[in-house]
Amino acid sequence: MSDAETSGTRGKLVFKIAKATAITALMGGVFLILWFFTSIFAASFLHYWTLFAIFAWAMLFFTFATTLSEGTIYKYILLVIRAFFLIVYVAYATNYGLFSINFEGFTLTIEFIPLLALMIFANLLELARGVLRAIEFASQSPKD
């Protein structure tokens, strides 16, 4: 490989990293604003901070990784992994569709299992979409 080809490949890689970093930073700003707005209302929930941090960091990782792997099969693998992560995360974070709030001598329990099933179904569709897009990408002939 000549020096010109190496510097061209290096330039493309630097551009991809810069693009992925910029998009991830923009997404991080959105999560920061969302955190500021929701922290006012969710300060009394015990595990809110941990659950939000796990969700935000995971989404930032997947945003960076999928943007960086644009044009490769790895993008679609990451999209499938993200969909599976969201299925598990939504089920765990919502206590499998049961939400209880304890006040002084009063307990309010909200059951939203049908909504949870809808969210899981949407992520299963996203998982299937990622698999189909990976198959489509793999079946295309390489561009010269």
N, C-alpha and C. Protein backbone atom coordinates (compact mmCIF):
# COMPACT_ATOMS: atom_id res chain seq x y z
N MET A 1 0.85 -1.16 0.00
CA MET A 1 0.00 0.00 0.00
C MET A 1 0.90 1.23 0.00
N SER A 2 0.61 2.18 -0.85
CA SER A 2 1.45 3.37 -0.95
C SER A 2 1.08 4.38 0.12
N ASP A 3 1.91 5.41 0.24
CA ASP A 3 1.66 6.45 1.24
C ASP A 3 0.39 7.23 0.94
N ALA A 4 0.07 7.43 -0.32
CA ALA A 4 -1.14 8.17 -0.69
C ALA A 4 -2.39 7.39 -0.28
N GLU A 5 -2.37 6.07 -0.50
CA GLU A 5 -3.51 5.25 -0.11
C GLU A 5 -3.66 5.20 1.40
N THR A 6 -2.54 5.15 2.13
CA THR A 6 -2.57 5.11 3.59
C THR A 6 -3.13 6.41 4.15
N SER A 7 -2.68 7.54 3.60
CA SER A 7 -3.17 8.82 4.11
C SER A 7 -4.63 9.02 3.74
N GLY A 8 -5.07 8.49 2.58
CA GLY A 8 -6.48 8.59 2.20
C GLY A 8 -7.36 7.77 3.12
N THR A 9 -6.91 6.58 3.44
CA THR A 9 -7.66 5.72 4.36
C THR A 9 -7.68 6.32 5.76
N ARG A 10 -6.54 6.87 6.18
CA ARG A 10 -6.45 7.50 7.49
C ARG A 10 -7.38 8.72 7.55
N GLY A 11 -7.42 9.50 6.47
CA GLY A 11 -8.30 10.67 6.42
C GLY A 11 -9.76 10.28 6.51
N LYS A 12 -10.13 9.19 5.82
CA LYS A 12 -11.51 8.71 5.89
C LYS A 12 -11.86 8.26 7.31
N LEU A 13 -10.91 7.58 7.95
CA LEU A 13 -11.15 7.11 9.31
C LEU A 13 -11.28 8.28 10.28
N VAL A 14 -10.44 9.28 10.13
CA VAL A 14 -10.52 10.47 10.99
C VAL A 14 -11.85 11.18 10.76
N PHE A 15 -12.29 11.27 9.52
CA PHE A 15 -13.58 11.90 9.23
C PHE A 15 -14.73 11.11 9.85
N LYS A 16 -14.68 9.78 9.74
CA LYS A 16 -15.74 8.95 10.34
C LYS A 16 -15.77 9.11 11.86
N ILE A 17 -14.59 9.15 12.49
CA ILE A 17 -14.54 9.32 13.94
C ILE A 17 -15.06 10.69 14.34
N ALA A 18 -14.69 11.73 13.58
CA ALA A 18 -15.18 13.08 13.88
C ALA A 18 -16.69 13.17 13.72
N LYS A 19 -17.21 12.54 12.67
CA LYS A 19 -18.67 12.54 12.43
C LYS A 19 -19.39 11.79 13.55
N ALA A 20 -18.87 10.63 13.92
CA ALA A 20 -19.49 9.85 15.00
C ALA A 20 -19.43 10.60 16.32
N THR A 21 -18.32 11.28 16.58
CA THR A 21 -18.18 12.05 17.81
C THR A 21 -19.17 13.22 17.84
N ALA A 22 -19.32 13.90 16.72
CA ALA A 22 -20.24 15.04 16.66
C ALA A 22 -21.69 14.59 16.86
N ILE A 23 -22.07 13.52 16.21
CA ILE A 23 -23.45 13.03 16.36
C ILE A 23 -23.69 12.54 17.79
N THR A 24 -22.71 11.86 18.36
CA THR A 24 -22.84 11.38 19.74
C THR A 24 -22.89 12.54 20.72
N ALA A 25 -22.11 13.58 20.48
CA ALA A 25 -22.15 14.76 21.35
C ALA A 25 -23.50 15.46 21.27
N LEU A 26 -24.07 15.53 20.08
CA LEU A 26 -25.41 16.11 19.93
C LEU A 26 -26.44 15.28 20.68
N MET A 27 -26.35 13.97 20.55
CA MET A 27 -27.25 13.07 21.27
C MET A 27 -27.04 13.19 22.78
N GLY A 28 -25.80 13.34 23.22
CA GLY A 28 -25.51 13.54 24.64
C GLY A 28 -26.12 14.82 25.16
N GLY A 29 -26.11 15.87 24.35
CA GLY A 29 -26.76 17.12 24.74
C GLY A 29 -28.26 16.96 24.90
N VAL A 30 -28.86 16.17 24.02
CA VAL A 30 -30.30 15.90 24.14
C VAL A 30 -30.59 15.14 25.43
N PHE A 31 -29.76 14.14 25.73
CA PHE A 31 -29.96 13.39 26.97
C PHE A 31 -29.73 14.26 28.20
N LEU A 32 -28.79 15.18 28.13
CA LEU A 32 -28.54 16.09 29.25
C LEU A 32 -29.74 17.00 29.49
N ILE A 33 -30.31 17.54 28.44
CA ILE A 33 -31.50 18.38 28.57
C ILE A 33 -32.67 17.55 29.10
N LEU A 34 -32.83 16.34 28.59
CA LEU A 34 -33.88 15.45 29.06
C LEU A 34 -33.69 15.13 30.54
N TRP A 35 -32.44 14.91 30.95
CA TRP A 35 -32.16 14.64 32.35
C TRP A 35 -32.52 15.83 33.24
N PHE A 36 -32.20 17.05 32.80
CA PHE A 36 -32.55 18.22 33.58
C PHE A 36 -34.07 18.35 33.76
N PHE A 37 -34.82 18.11 32.69
CA PHE A 37 -36.27 18.24 32.78
C PHE A 37 -36.92 17.13 33.60
N THR A 38 -36.42 15.91 33.45
CA THR A 38 -37.05 14.81 34.18
C THR A 38 -36.58 14.72 35.62
N SER A 39 -35.44 15.28 35.94
CA SER A 39 -34.94 15.18 37.32
C SER A 39 -35.83 15.96 38.28
N ILE A 40 -36.53 16.95 37.80
CA ILE A 40 -37.44 17.72 38.64
C ILE A 40 -38.58 16.82 39.14
N PHE A 41 -39.11 16.01 38.24
CA PHE A 41 -40.27 15.19 38.58
C PHE A 41 -39.89 13.83 39.17
N ALA A 42 -38.74 13.31 38.80
CA ALA A 42 -38.38 11.95 39.19
C ALA A 42 -37.39 11.88 40.34
N ALA A 43 -37.19 12.96 41.05
CA ALA A 43 -36.20 12.98 42.13
C ALA A 43 -36.58 12.02 43.26
N SER A 44 -37.86 11.76 43.43
CA SER A 44 -38.28 10.89 44.53
C SER A 44 -38.18 9.40 44.21
N PHE A 45 -38.00 9.04 42.94
CA PHE A 45 -37.89 7.63 42.57
C PHE A 45 -36.48 7.15 42.86
N LEU A 46 -36.40 6.05 43.56
CA LEU A 46 -35.13 5.57 44.10
C LEU A 46 -34.11 5.22 43.01
N HIS A 47 -34.51 4.46 42.03
CA HIS A 47 -33.56 3.95 41.04
C HIS A 47 -33.55 4.76 39.75
N TYR A 48 -34.16 5.90 39.73
CA TYR A 48 -34.25 6.68 38.49
C TYR A 48 -32.88 7.06 37.95
N TRP A 49 -32.00 7.56 38.82
CA TRP A 49 -30.70 8.04 38.36
C TRP A 49 -29.89 6.92 37.73
N THR A 50 -29.90 5.75 38.34
CA THR A 50 -29.15 4.62 37.82
C THR A 50 -29.73 4.15 36.48
N LEU A 51 -31.04 4.01 36.42
CA LEU A 51 -31.67 3.54 35.19
C LEU A 51 -31.47 4.53 34.05
N PHE A 52 -31.58 5.83 34.34
CA PHE A 52 -31.40 6.82 33.30
C PHE A 52 -29.95 6.83 32.81
N ALA A 53 -29.00 6.72 33.73
CA ALA A 53 -27.59 6.72 33.34
C ALA A 53 -27.26 5.51 32.47
N ILE A 54 -27.76 4.35 32.82
CA ILE A 54 -27.51 3.15 32.02
C ILE A 54 -28.10 3.31 30.63
N PHE A 55 -29.33 3.81 30.57
CA PHE A 55 -29.98 4.02 29.27
C PHE A 55 -29.22 5.04 28.42
N ALA A 56 -28.87 6.17 29.02
CA ALA A 56 -28.19 7.23 28.27
C ALA A 56 -26.83 6.77 27.76
N TRP A 57 -26.03 6.15 28.62
CA TRP A 57 -24.71 5.71 28.20
C TRP A 57 -24.79 4.61 27.14
N ALA A 58 -25.74 3.72 27.27
CA ALA A 58 -25.89 2.67 26.26
C ALA A 58 -26.30 3.26 24.92
N MET A 59 -27.23 4.20 24.93
CA MET A 59 -27.66 4.82 23.68
C MET A 59 -26.53 5.65 23.05
N LEU A 60 -25.73 6.29 23.89
CA LEU A 60 -24.59 7.04 23.36
C LEU A 60 -23.56 6.09 22.74
N PHE A 61 -23.32 4.97 23.39
CA PHE A 61 -22.39 3.98 22.83
C PHE A 61 -22.90 3.47 21.49
N PHE A 62 -24.18 3.08 21.43
CA PHE A 62 -24.73 2.56 20.18
C PHE A 62 -24.76 3.62 19.09
N THR A 63 -25.02 4.86 19.45
CA THR A 63 -24.99 5.94 18.46
C THR A 63 -23.60 6.09 17.88
N PHE A 64 -22.58 6.14 18.74
CA PHE A 64 -21.21 6.28 18.27
C PHE A 64 -20.79 5.08 17.43
N ALA A 65 -21.06 3.88 17.91
CA ALA A 65 -20.61 2.67 17.22
C ALA A 65 -21.31 2.47 15.88
N THR A 66 -22.61 2.73 15.80
CA THR A 66 -23.30 2.55 14.52
C THR A 66 -22.91 3.62 13.52
N THR A 67 -22.66 4.84 13.98
CA THR A 67 -22.21 5.89 13.07
C THR A 67 -20.80 5.60 12.57
N LEU A 68 -19.96 5.11 13.44
CA LEU A 68 -18.58 4.78 13.05
C LEU A 68 -18.53 3.60 12.08
N SER A 69 -19.44 2.66 12.25
CA SER A 69 -19.42 1.47 11.40
C SER A 69 -20.34 1.60 10.19
N GLU A 70 -20.66 2.81 9.80
CA GLU A 70 -21.50 3.06 8.63
C GLU A 70 -20.86 2.44 7.39
N GLY A 71 -21.66 1.73 6.61
CA GLY A 71 -21.14 1.13 5.38
C GLY A 71 -20.56 -0.26 5.58
N THR A 72 -20.68 -0.81 6.78
CA THR A 72 -20.18 -2.16 7.03
C THR A 72 -21.31 -3.02 7.60
N ILE A 73 -21.08 -4.31 7.66
CA ILE A 73 -22.07 -5.22 8.22
C ILE A 73 -22.19 -5.03 9.73
N TYR A 74 -21.14 -4.49 10.34
CA TYR A 74 -21.14 -4.30 11.78
C TYR A 74 -22.23 -3.32 12.24
N LYS A 75 -22.60 -2.40 11.38
CA LYS A 75 -23.67 -1.46 11.72
C LYS A 75 -24.96 -2.21 12.00
N TYR A 76 -25.27 -3.16 11.17
CA TYR A 76 -26.52 -3.90 11.32
C TYR A 76 -26.46 -4.86 12.51
N ILE A 77 -25.29 -5.41 12.77
CA ILE A 77 -25.12 -6.24 13.97
C ILE A 77 -25.36 -5.39 15.22
N LEU A 78 -24.81 -4.18 15.23
CA LEU A 78 -25.02 -3.28 16.37
C LEU A 78 -26.48 -2.86 16.51
N LEU A 79 -27.18 -2.68 15.39
CA LEU A 79 -28.61 -2.34 15.47
C LEU A 79 -29.42 -3.48 16.07
N VAL A 80 -29.06 -4.72 15.74
CA VAL A 80 -29.75 -5.88 16.32
C VAL A 80 -29.45 -5.98 17.81
N ILE A 81 -28.19 -5.76 18.19
CA ILE A 81 -27.83 -5.80 19.61
C ILE A 81 -28.53 -4.69 20.37
N ARG A 82 -28.64 -3.50 19.77
CA ARG A 82 -29.34 -2.39 20.43
C ARG A 82 -30.81 -2.72 20.65
N ALA A 83 -31.46 -3.32 19.65
CA ALA A 83 -32.87 -3.68 19.80
C ALA A 83 -33.05 -4.71 20.90
N PHE A 84 -32.15 -5.70 20.96
CA PHE A 84 -32.24 -6.69 22.03
C PHE A 84 -32.00 -6.06 23.39
N PHE A 85 -31.01 -5.16 23.48
CA PHE A 85 -30.76 -4.45 24.73
C PHE A 85 -31.99 -3.67 25.17
N LEU A 86 -32.65 -2.98 24.25
CA LEU A 86 -33.83 -2.20 24.62
C LEU A 86 -34.98 -3.08 25.09
N ILE A 87 -35.11 -4.27 24.52
CA ILE A 87 -36.15 -5.18 24.99
C ILE A 87 -35.90 -5.56 26.45
N VAL A 88 -34.69 -5.97 26.75
CA VAL A 88 -34.35 -6.37 28.11
C VAL A 88 -34.42 -5.18 29.06
N TYR A 89 -33.91 -4.04 28.62
CA TYR A 89 -33.87 -2.85 29.48
C TYR A 89 -35.28 -2.35 29.81
N VAL A 90 -36.14 -2.26 28.81
CA VAL A 90 -37.50 -1.77 29.05
C VAL A 90 -38.25 -2.69 29.99
N ALA A 91 -38.09 -4.00 29.82
CA ALA A 91 -38.76 -4.94 30.71
C ALA A 91 -38.25 -4.80 32.14
N TYR A 92 -36.93 -4.68 32.30
CA TYR A 92 -36.37 -4.56 33.64
C TYR A 92 -36.69 -3.21 34.28
N ALA A 93 -36.53 -2.14 33.54
CA ALA A 93 -36.71 -0.80 34.10
C ALA A 93 -38.16 -0.53 34.50
N THR A 94 -39.09 -1.16 33.84
CA THR A 94 -40.50 -0.95 34.18
C THR A 94 -41.03 -2.00 35.14
N ASN A 95 -40.15 -2.81 35.69
CA ASN A 95 -40.54 -3.87 36.63
C ASN A 95 -41.57 -4.79 35.99
N TYR A 96 -41.33 -5.09 34.73
CA TYR A 96 -42.17 -6.00 33.95
C TYR A 96 -43.62 -5.55 33.88
N GLY A 97 -43.82 -4.25 33.81
CA GLY A 97 -45.15 -3.71 33.60
C GLY A 97 -45.92 -3.34 34.84
N LEU A 98 -45.31 -3.39 36.00
CA LEU A 98 -45.96 -3.00 37.24
C LEU A 98 -45.19 -1.84 37.86
N PHE A 99 -45.90 -0.79 38.19
CA PHE A 99 -45.28 0.40 38.76
C PHE A 99 -45.99 0.71 40.07
N SER A 100 -45.25 0.75 41.16
CA SER A 100 -45.83 1.02 42.48
C SER A 100 -45.19 2.24 43.11
N ILE A 101 -46.03 3.09 43.66
CA ILE A 101 -45.57 4.27 44.39
C ILE A 101 -46.12 4.16 45.81
N ASN A 102 -45.22 4.26 46.78
CA ASN A 102 -45.63 4.19 48.18
C ASN A 102 -45.63 5.59 48.79
N PHE A 103 -46.79 5.99 49.25
CA PHE A 103 -46.91 7.21 50.03
C PHE A 103 -47.10 6.81 51.48
N GLU A 104 -47.32 7.74 52.33
CA GLU A 104 -47.52 7.43 53.76
C GLU A 104 -48.82 6.65 53.94
N GLY A 105 -48.69 5.35 54.09
CA GLY A 105 -49.86 4.50 54.32
C GLY A 105 -50.71 4.26 53.09
N PHE A 106 -50.25 4.65 51.94
CA PHE A 106 -51.03 4.52 50.70
C PHE A 106 -50.11 4.01 49.59
N THR A 107 -50.54 2.97 48.91
CA THR A 107 -49.75 2.42 47.81
C THR A 107 -50.56 2.49 46.53
N LEU A 108 -49.97 3.09 45.52
CA LEU A 108 -50.60 3.19 44.21
C LEU A 108 -49.85 2.27 43.26
N THR A 109 -50.57 1.32 42.67
CA THR A 109 -49.96 0.38 41.74
C THR A 109 -50.60 0.57 40.37
N ILE A 110 -49.75 0.76 39.36
CA ILE A 110 -50.22 0.94 37.99
C ILE A 110 -49.71 -0.25 37.18
N GLU A 111 -50.62 -0.87 36.47
CA GLU A 111 -50.27 -2.01 35.63
C GLU A 111 -50.37 -1.58 34.17
N PHE A 112 -49.25 -1.62 33.47
CA PHE A 112 -49.25 -1.25 32.06
C PHE A 112 -48.57 -2.33 31.22
N ILE A 113 -48.95 -3.55 31.48
CA ILE A 113 -48.38 -4.69 30.77
C ILE A 113 -48.70 -4.62 29.26
N PRO A 114 -49.92 -4.21 28.85
CA PRO A 114 -50.14 -4.09 27.40
C PRO A 114 -49.23 -3.05 26.73
N LEU A 115 -48.95 -1.97 27.40
CA LEU A 115 -48.03 -0.97 26.86
C LEU A 115 -46.61 -1.53 26.78
N LEU A 116 -46.21 -2.27 27.79
CA LEU A 116 -44.90 -2.92 27.79
C LEU A 116 -44.82 -3.93 26.64
N ALA A 117 -45.88 -4.68 26.42
CA ALA A 117 -45.90 -5.64 25.32
C ALA A 117 -45.79 -4.92 23.98
N LEU A 118 -46.41 -3.77 23.86
CA LEU A 118 -46.31 -2.99 22.63
C LEU A 118 -44.88 -2.49 22.41
N MET A 119 -44.22 -2.04 23.48
CA MET A 119 -42.84 -1.57 23.35
C MET A 119 -41.91 -2.73 22.99
N ILE A 120 -42.13 -3.89 23.58
CA ILE A 120 -41.31 -5.06 23.26
C ILE A 120 -41.55 -5.50 21.81
N PHE A 121 -42.80 -5.46 21.39
CA PHE A 121 -43.13 -5.83 20.01
C PHE A 121 -42.46 -4.87 19.02
N ALA A 122 -42.46 -3.57 19.33
CA ALA A 122 -41.80 -2.59 18.46
C ALA A 122 -40.31 -2.86 18.37
N ASN A 123 -39.69 -3.24 19.47
CA ASN A 123 -38.27 -3.56 19.44
C ASN A 123 -37.99 -4.89 18.74
N LEU A 124 -38.92 -5.82 18.82
CA LEU A 124 -38.77 -7.06 18.05
C LEU A 124 -38.83 -6.78 16.55
N LEU A 125 -39.71 -5.85 16.16
CA LEU A 125 -39.75 -5.44 14.76
C LEU A 125 -38.45 -4.77 14.34
N GLU A 126 -37.89 -3.94 15.22
CA GLU A 126 -36.61 -3.30 14.94
C GLU A 126 -35.49 -4.35 14.84
N LEU A 127 -35.55 -5.37 15.66
CA LEU A 127 -34.58 -6.45 15.60
C LEU A 127 -34.68 -7.18 14.26
N ALA A 128 -35.90 -7.50 13.85
CA ALA A 128 -36.10 -8.18 12.57
C ALA A 128 -35.67 -7.29 11.42
N ARG A 129 -35.93 -6.00 11.51
CA ARG A 129 -35.53 -5.06 10.47
C ARG A 129 -34.00 -5.03 10.35
N GLY A 130 -33.31 -5.03 11.48
CA GLY A 130 -31.85 -5.06 11.44
C GLY A 130 -31.31 -6.32 10.80
N VAL A 131 -31.93 -7.46 11.11
CA VAL A 131 -31.49 -8.73 10.51
C VAL A 131 -31.73 -8.71 9.01
N LEU A 132 -32.89 -8.23 8.59
CA LEU A 132 -33.19 -8.18 7.15
C LEU A 132 -32.27 -7.21 6.42
N ARG A 133 -31.96 -6.08 7.04
CA ARG A 133 -31.05 -5.12 6.41
C ARG A 133 -29.63 -5.70 6.34
N ALA A 134 -29.24 -6.49 7.34
CA ALA A 134 -27.93 -7.14 7.30
C ALA A 134 -27.87 -8.17 6.17
N ILE A 135 -28.95 -8.90 5.99
CA ILE A 135 -29.00 -9.88 4.90
C ILE A 135 -28.95 -9.16 3.56
N GLU A 136 -29.68 -8.07 3.44
CA GLU A 136 -29.66 -7.29 2.20
C GLU A 136 -28.26 -6.74 1.92
N PHE A 137 -27.60 -6.21 2.97
CA PHE A 137 -26.26 -5.67 2.79
C PHE A 137 -25.28 -6.76 2.37
N ALA A 138 -25.41 -7.94 2.97
CA ALA A 138 -24.50 -9.04 2.65
C ALA A 138 -24.74 -9.59 1.25
N SER A 139 -25.96 -9.46 0.74
CA SER A 139 -26.26 -10.02 -0.57
C SER A 139 -25.88 -9.08 -1.71
N GLN A 140 -25.58 -7.82 -1.41
CA GLN A 140 -25.19 -6.89 -2.46
C GLN A 140 -23.77 -7.20 -2.92
N SER A 141 -23.54 -6.96 -4.18
CA SER A 141 -22.20 -7.19 -4.71
C SER A 141 -21.27 -6.04 -4.25
N PRO A 142 -20.02 -6.35 -4.00
CA PRO A 142 -19.11 -5.29 -3.54
C PRO A 142 -18.88 -4.26 -4.63
N LYS A 143 -18.75 -3.01 -4.19
CA LYS A 143 -18.53 -1.92 -5.15
C LYS A 143 -17.03 -1.78 -5.38
N ASP A 144 -16.66 -1.68 -6.63
CA ASP A 144 -15.24 -1.56 -6.95
C ASP A 144 -14.81 -0.11 -6.99
